[in-house]
Amino acid sequence: MAIELTPSQKKQLRALGQALPSTLQIGRDGVTDALAAALEPLLKRHELVKCKLLQSSPAGPAEAARALALTADAALVGVVGRTFLLYRPNPERKDRIRLVG
């Protein structure tokens, strides 16, 4: 189930992501199963997760972002430099992110 976001929804999520700290860092091992497992509770808890690709990572930012989004069944909101945002709604959260449009 791929999540499709409209441009206005991506804009809204990018605005929310500005204030977020990077909660997941991708290092020299790149995108691994352990990294995907660490992303899962973050998406459940926060819905919107900011990830940062360290200089030591073998993958490029866009490549790593697409791989993690696919693995986690999340939407890739955007990539800026070595940072990217992933979004997956959690219908069980009472204070979930409400998207426009």
N, C-alpha and C. Protein backbone atom coordinates (compact mmCIF):
# COMPACT_ATOMS: atom_id res chain seq x y z
N MET A 1 0.84 -1.18 0.00
CA MET A 1 0.00 0.00 0.00
C MET A 1 0.89 1.24 0.00
N ALA A 2 1.07 1.84 -1.13
CA ALA A 2 1.87 3.05 -1.24
C ALA A 2 1.02 4.27 -0.89
N ILE A 3 1.59 5.16 -0.13
CA ILE A 3 0.88 6.37 0.27
C ILE A 3 1.17 7.44 -0.77
N GLU A 4 0.12 7.97 -1.36
CA GLU A 4 0.26 9.05 -2.34
C GLU A 4 -0.11 10.36 -1.66
N LEU A 5 0.78 11.33 -1.76
CA LEU A 5 0.54 12.65 -1.17
C LEU A 5 0.41 13.69 -2.27
N THR A 6 -0.51 14.61 -2.08
CA THR A 6 -0.66 15.72 -3.02
C THR A 6 0.43 16.75 -2.73
N PRO A 7 0.71 17.63 -3.68
CA PRO A 7 1.72 18.68 -3.42
C PRO A 7 1.40 19.53 -2.19
N SER A 8 0.13 19.82 -1.95
CA SER A 8 -0.22 20.63 -0.77
C SER A 8 0.01 19.85 0.52
N GLN A 9 -0.21 18.55 0.49
CA GLN A 9 0.05 17.73 1.68
C GLN A 9 1.55 17.64 1.94
N LYS A 10 2.35 17.50 0.87
CA LYS A 10 3.80 17.48 1.04
C LYS A 10 4.29 18.80 1.61
N LYS A 11 3.72 19.90 1.14
CA LYS A 11 4.10 21.22 1.64
C LYS A 11 3.79 21.33 3.13
N GLN A 12 2.61 20.85 3.53
CA GLN A 12 2.22 20.88 4.94
C GLN A 12 3.18 20.05 5.79
N LEU A 13 3.53 18.86 5.32
CA LEU A 13 4.42 17.99 6.07
C LEU A 13 5.84 18.54 6.13
N ARG A 14 6.30 19.17 5.04
CA ARG A 14 7.64 19.79 5.05
C ARG A 14 7.68 20.92 6.08
N ALA A 15 6.58 21.69 6.18
CA ALA A 15 6.52 22.77 7.17
C ALA A 15 6.59 22.20 8.59
N LEU A 16 5.88 21.11 8.84
CA LEU A 16 5.92 20.47 10.16
C LEU A 16 7.31 19.89 10.44
N GLY A 17 7.97 19.41 9.41
CA GLY A 17 9.28 18.79 9.56
C GLY A 17 10.40 19.77 9.85
N GLN A 18 10.20 21.06 9.55
CA GLN A 18 11.23 22.06 9.79
C GLN A 18 11.71 22.06 11.24
N ALA A 19 10.78 21.94 12.17
CA ALA A 19 11.11 22.03 13.59
C ALA A 19 11.56 20.70 14.19
N LEU A 20 11.44 19.62 13.44
CA LEU A 20 11.80 18.31 13.98
C LEU A 20 13.31 18.10 14.02
N PRO A 21 13.78 17.44 15.06
CA PRO A 21 15.19 17.02 15.06
C PRO A 21 15.31 15.76 14.21
N SER A 22 16.51 15.47 13.73
CA SER A 22 16.74 14.23 13.01
C SER A 22 16.72 13.08 14.02
N THR A 23 15.76 12.19 13.88
CA THR A 23 15.62 11.11 14.85
C THR A 23 16.22 9.80 14.36
N LEU A 24 16.60 9.74 13.09
CA LEU A 24 17.21 8.53 12.56
C LEU A 24 18.41 8.94 11.72
N GLN A 25 19.56 8.36 12.02
CA GLN A 25 20.77 8.68 11.27
C GLN A 25 21.26 7.44 10.54
N ILE A 26 21.64 7.64 9.29
CA ILE A 26 22.11 6.55 8.46
C ILE A 26 23.62 6.70 8.31
N GLY A 27 24.35 5.72 8.77
CA GLY A 27 25.81 5.80 8.79
C GLY A 27 26.49 4.93 7.76
N ARG A 28 27.66 4.44 8.11
CA ARG A 28 28.51 3.73 7.16
C ARG A 28 27.93 2.42 6.65
N ASP A 29 27.00 1.83 7.40
CA ASP A 29 26.39 0.58 6.95
C ASP A 29 25.27 0.80 5.94
N GLY A 30 24.83 2.04 5.80
CA GLY A 30 23.76 2.34 4.84
C GLY A 30 22.42 1.85 5.35
N VAL A 31 21.53 1.56 4.43
CA VAL A 31 20.18 1.10 4.77
C VAL A 31 20.25 -0.40 5.04
N THR A 32 19.99 -0.78 6.27
CA THR A 32 20.04 -2.18 6.68
C THR A 32 18.70 -2.60 7.27
N ASP A 33 18.55 -3.89 7.53
CA ASP A 33 17.34 -4.39 8.18
C ASP A 33 17.20 -3.81 9.58
N ALA A 34 18.32 -3.65 10.27
CA ALA A 34 18.29 -3.09 11.63
C ALA A 34 17.82 -1.64 11.60
N LEU A 35 18.24 -0.91 10.60
CA LEU A 35 17.82 0.49 10.46
C LEU A 35 16.32 0.56 10.17
N ALA A 36 15.85 -0.32 9.30
CA ALA A 36 14.41 -0.36 9.00
C ALA A 36 13.61 -0.74 10.25
N ALA A 37 14.16 -1.64 11.06
CA ALA A 37 13.49 -2.03 12.30
C ALA A 37 13.45 -0.87 13.29
N ALA A 38 14.49 -0.05 13.30
CA ALA A 38 14.53 1.11 14.19
C ALA A 38 13.55 2.19 13.72
N LEU A 39 13.30 2.25 12.43
CA LEU A 39 12.38 3.24 11.87
C LEU A 39 10.93 2.93 12.22
N GLU A 40 10.59 1.66 12.31
CA GLU A 40 9.21 1.24 12.53
C GLU A 40 8.56 1.88 13.77
N PRO A 41 9.15 1.78 14.97
CA PRO A 41 8.51 2.42 16.13
C PRO A 41 8.48 3.95 16.03
N LEU A 42 9.45 4.53 15.34
CA LEU A 42 9.45 5.98 15.18
C LEU A 42 8.25 6.43 14.34
N LEU A 43 7.97 5.71 13.27
CA LEU A 43 6.81 6.05 12.44
C LEU A 43 5.50 5.83 13.19
N LYS A 44 5.43 4.77 13.98
CA LYS A 44 4.21 4.51 14.75
C LYS A 44 3.97 5.61 15.78
N ARG A 45 5.05 6.07 16.42
CA ARG A 45 4.93 7.06 17.47
C ARG A 45 4.73 8.47 16.94
N HIS A 46 5.46 8.83 15.88
CA HIS A 46 5.48 10.22 15.43
C HIS A 46 4.80 10.46 14.08
N GLU A 47 4.62 9.47 13.27
CA GLU A 47 4.07 9.55 11.91
C GLU A 47 5.02 10.25 10.93
N LEU A 48 5.65 11.33 11.35
CA LEU A 48 6.57 12.08 10.50
C LEU A 48 7.97 11.99 11.11
N VAL A 49 8.91 11.44 10.34
CA VAL A 49 10.26 11.19 10.86
C VAL A 49 11.28 11.86 9.95
N LYS A 50 12.18 12.62 10.59
CA LYS A 50 13.28 13.26 9.85
C LYS A 50 14.51 12.37 9.97
N CYS A 51 15.10 12.06 8.82
CA CYS A 51 16.27 11.20 8.77
C CYS A 51 17.45 11.97 8.20
N LYS A 52 18.63 11.65 8.67
CA LYS A 52 19.84 12.32 8.21
C LYS A 52 20.83 11.28 7.74
N LEU A 53 21.40 11.55 6.58
CA LEU A 53 22.41 10.67 5.99
C LEU A 53 23.77 11.23 6.36
N LEU A 54 24.56 10.46 7.10
CA LEU A 54 25.89 10.90 7.49
C LEU A 54 26.85 10.81 6.30
N GLN A 55 27.95 11.55 6.38
CA GLN A 55 28.94 11.56 5.30
C GLN A 55 29.51 10.16 5.03
N SER A 56 29.55 9.32 6.05
CA SER A 56 30.14 7.99 5.91
C SER A 56 29.22 6.99 5.20
N SER A 57 27.99 7.39 4.92
CA SER A 57 27.05 6.46 4.30
C SER A 57 27.41 6.19 2.84
N PRO A 58 27.36 4.92 2.43
CA PRO A 58 27.70 4.59 1.04
C PRO A 58 26.61 4.99 0.04
N ALA A 59 25.39 5.13 0.49
CA ALA A 59 24.27 5.45 -0.40
C ALA A 59 24.09 6.96 -0.52
N GLY A 60 23.50 7.39 -1.61
CA GLY A 60 23.16 8.79 -1.78
C GLY A 60 21.86 9.08 -1.04
N PRO A 61 21.57 10.36 -0.76
CA PRO A 61 20.37 10.71 0.00
C PRO A 61 19.07 10.25 -0.67
N ALA A 62 18.92 10.48 -1.96
CA ALA A 62 17.68 10.10 -2.65
C ALA A 62 17.53 8.58 -2.67
N GLU A 63 18.62 7.89 -2.90
CA GLU A 63 18.60 6.41 -2.95
C GLU A 63 18.22 5.83 -1.58
N ALA A 64 18.84 6.33 -0.53
CA ALA A 64 18.54 5.85 0.83
C ALA A 64 17.10 6.18 1.22
N ALA A 65 16.65 7.37 0.87
CA ALA A 65 15.28 7.79 1.20
C ALA A 65 14.26 6.88 0.52
N ARG A 66 14.46 6.61 -0.77
CA ARG A 66 13.53 5.74 -1.50
C ARG A 66 13.54 4.33 -0.92
N ALA A 67 14.72 3.81 -0.60
CA ALA A 67 14.83 2.46 -0.05
C ALA A 67 14.11 2.34 1.30
N LEU A 68 14.32 3.32 2.17
CA LEU A 68 13.66 3.28 3.48
C LEU A 68 12.15 3.45 3.36
N ALA A 69 11.72 4.35 2.48
CA ALA A 69 10.28 4.57 2.28
C ALA A 69 9.62 3.29 1.79
N LEU A 70 10.25 2.61 0.86
CA LEU A 70 9.72 1.36 0.33
C LEU A 70 9.67 0.28 1.40
N THR A 71 10.75 0.15 2.16
CA THR A 71 10.83 -0.86 3.22
C THR A 71 9.79 -0.62 4.31
N ALA A 72 9.59 0.64 4.68
CA ALA A 72 8.69 0.98 5.79
C ALA A 72 7.26 1.23 5.33
N ASP A 73 7.00 1.12 4.02
CA ASP A 73 5.68 1.41 3.47
C ASP A 73 5.24 2.82 3.86
N ALA A 74 6.17 3.76 3.70
CA ALA A 74 5.94 5.16 4.06
C ALA A 74 6.05 6.03 2.82
N ALA A 75 5.56 7.24 2.92
CA ALA A 75 5.66 8.20 1.83
C ALA A 75 6.92 9.04 2.02
N LEU A 76 7.64 9.23 0.95
CA LEU A 76 8.80 10.12 0.97
C LEU A 76 8.29 11.53 0.73
N VAL A 77 8.40 12.38 1.74
CA VAL A 77 7.89 13.75 1.65
C VAL A 77 8.84 14.62 0.84
N GLY A 78 10.12 14.50 1.10
CA GLY A 78 11.09 15.30 0.36
C GLY A 78 12.50 15.06 0.85
N VAL A 79 13.45 15.40 -0.04
CA VAL A 79 14.87 15.26 0.27
C VAL A 79 15.51 16.63 0.09
N VAL A 80 16.21 17.11 1.12
CA VAL A 80 16.94 18.37 1.04
C VAL A 80 18.35 18.10 1.56
N GLY A 81 19.31 18.21 0.68
CA GLY A 81 20.69 17.91 1.07
C GLY A 81 20.82 16.47 1.49
N ARG A 82 21.27 16.23 2.70
CA ARG A 82 21.44 14.88 3.21
C ARG A 82 20.35 14.53 4.23
N THR A 83 19.26 15.29 4.21
CA THR A 83 18.15 15.09 5.14
C THR A 83 16.88 14.81 4.36
N PHE A 84 16.05 13.91 4.89
CA PHE A 84 14.77 13.64 4.22
C PHE A 84 13.70 13.33 5.25
N LEU A 85 12.45 13.49 4.82
CA LEU A 85 11.29 13.24 5.68
C LEU A 85 10.51 12.04 5.18
N LEU A 86 10.09 11.18 6.09
CA LEU A 86 9.22 10.06 5.79
C LEU A 86 7.94 10.21 6.58
N TYR A 87 6.81 9.86 5.96
CA TYR A 87 5.51 9.99 6.62
C TYR A 87 4.71 8.71 6.41
N ARG A 88 4.13 8.24 7.51
CA ARG A 88 3.17 7.13 7.45
C ARG A 88 2.12 7.37 8.52
N PRO A 89 0.86 7.52 8.12
CA PRO A 89 -0.19 7.78 9.11
C PRO A 89 -0.41 6.59 10.03
N ASN A 90 -0.76 6.90 11.26
CA ASN A 90 -1.08 5.88 12.25
C ASN A 90 -2.49 6.14 12.73
N PRO A 91 -3.48 5.40 12.22
CA PRO A 91 -4.88 5.66 12.59
C PRO A 91 -5.19 5.42 14.06
N GLU A 92 -4.30 4.74 14.79
CA GLU A 92 -4.53 4.47 16.21
C GLU A 92 -4.19 5.66 17.10
N ARG A 93 -3.45 6.63 16.56
CA ARG A 93 -3.07 7.81 17.36
C ARG A 93 -4.24 8.77 17.47
N LYS A 94 -4.45 9.27 18.67
CA LYS A 94 -5.53 10.24 18.87
C LYS A 94 -5.12 11.62 18.37
N ASP A 95 -3.83 11.95 18.48
CA ASP A 95 -3.34 13.27 18.07
C ASP A 95 -2.60 13.19 16.74
N ARG A 96 -3.14 12.41 15.81
CA ARG A 96 -2.48 12.18 14.54
C ARG A 96 -2.43 13.45 13.69
N ILE A 97 -1.55 13.45 12.72
CA ILE A 97 -1.40 14.58 11.81
C ILE A 97 -2.57 14.59 10.84
N ARG A 98 -3.27 15.70 10.77
CA ARG A 98 -4.40 15.86 9.85
C ARG A 98 -3.93 16.57 8.60
N LEU A 99 -4.01 15.89 7.47
CA LEU A 99 -3.56 16.46 6.22
C LEU A 99 -4.68 17.23 5.53
N VAL A 100 -4.32 18.31 4.86
CA VAL A 100 -5.28 19.08 4.08
C VAL A 100 -5.40 18.45 2.70
N GLY A 101 -6.47 18.79 2.03
CA GLY A 101 -6.65 18.37 0.62
C GLY A 101 -6.75 16.93 0.48
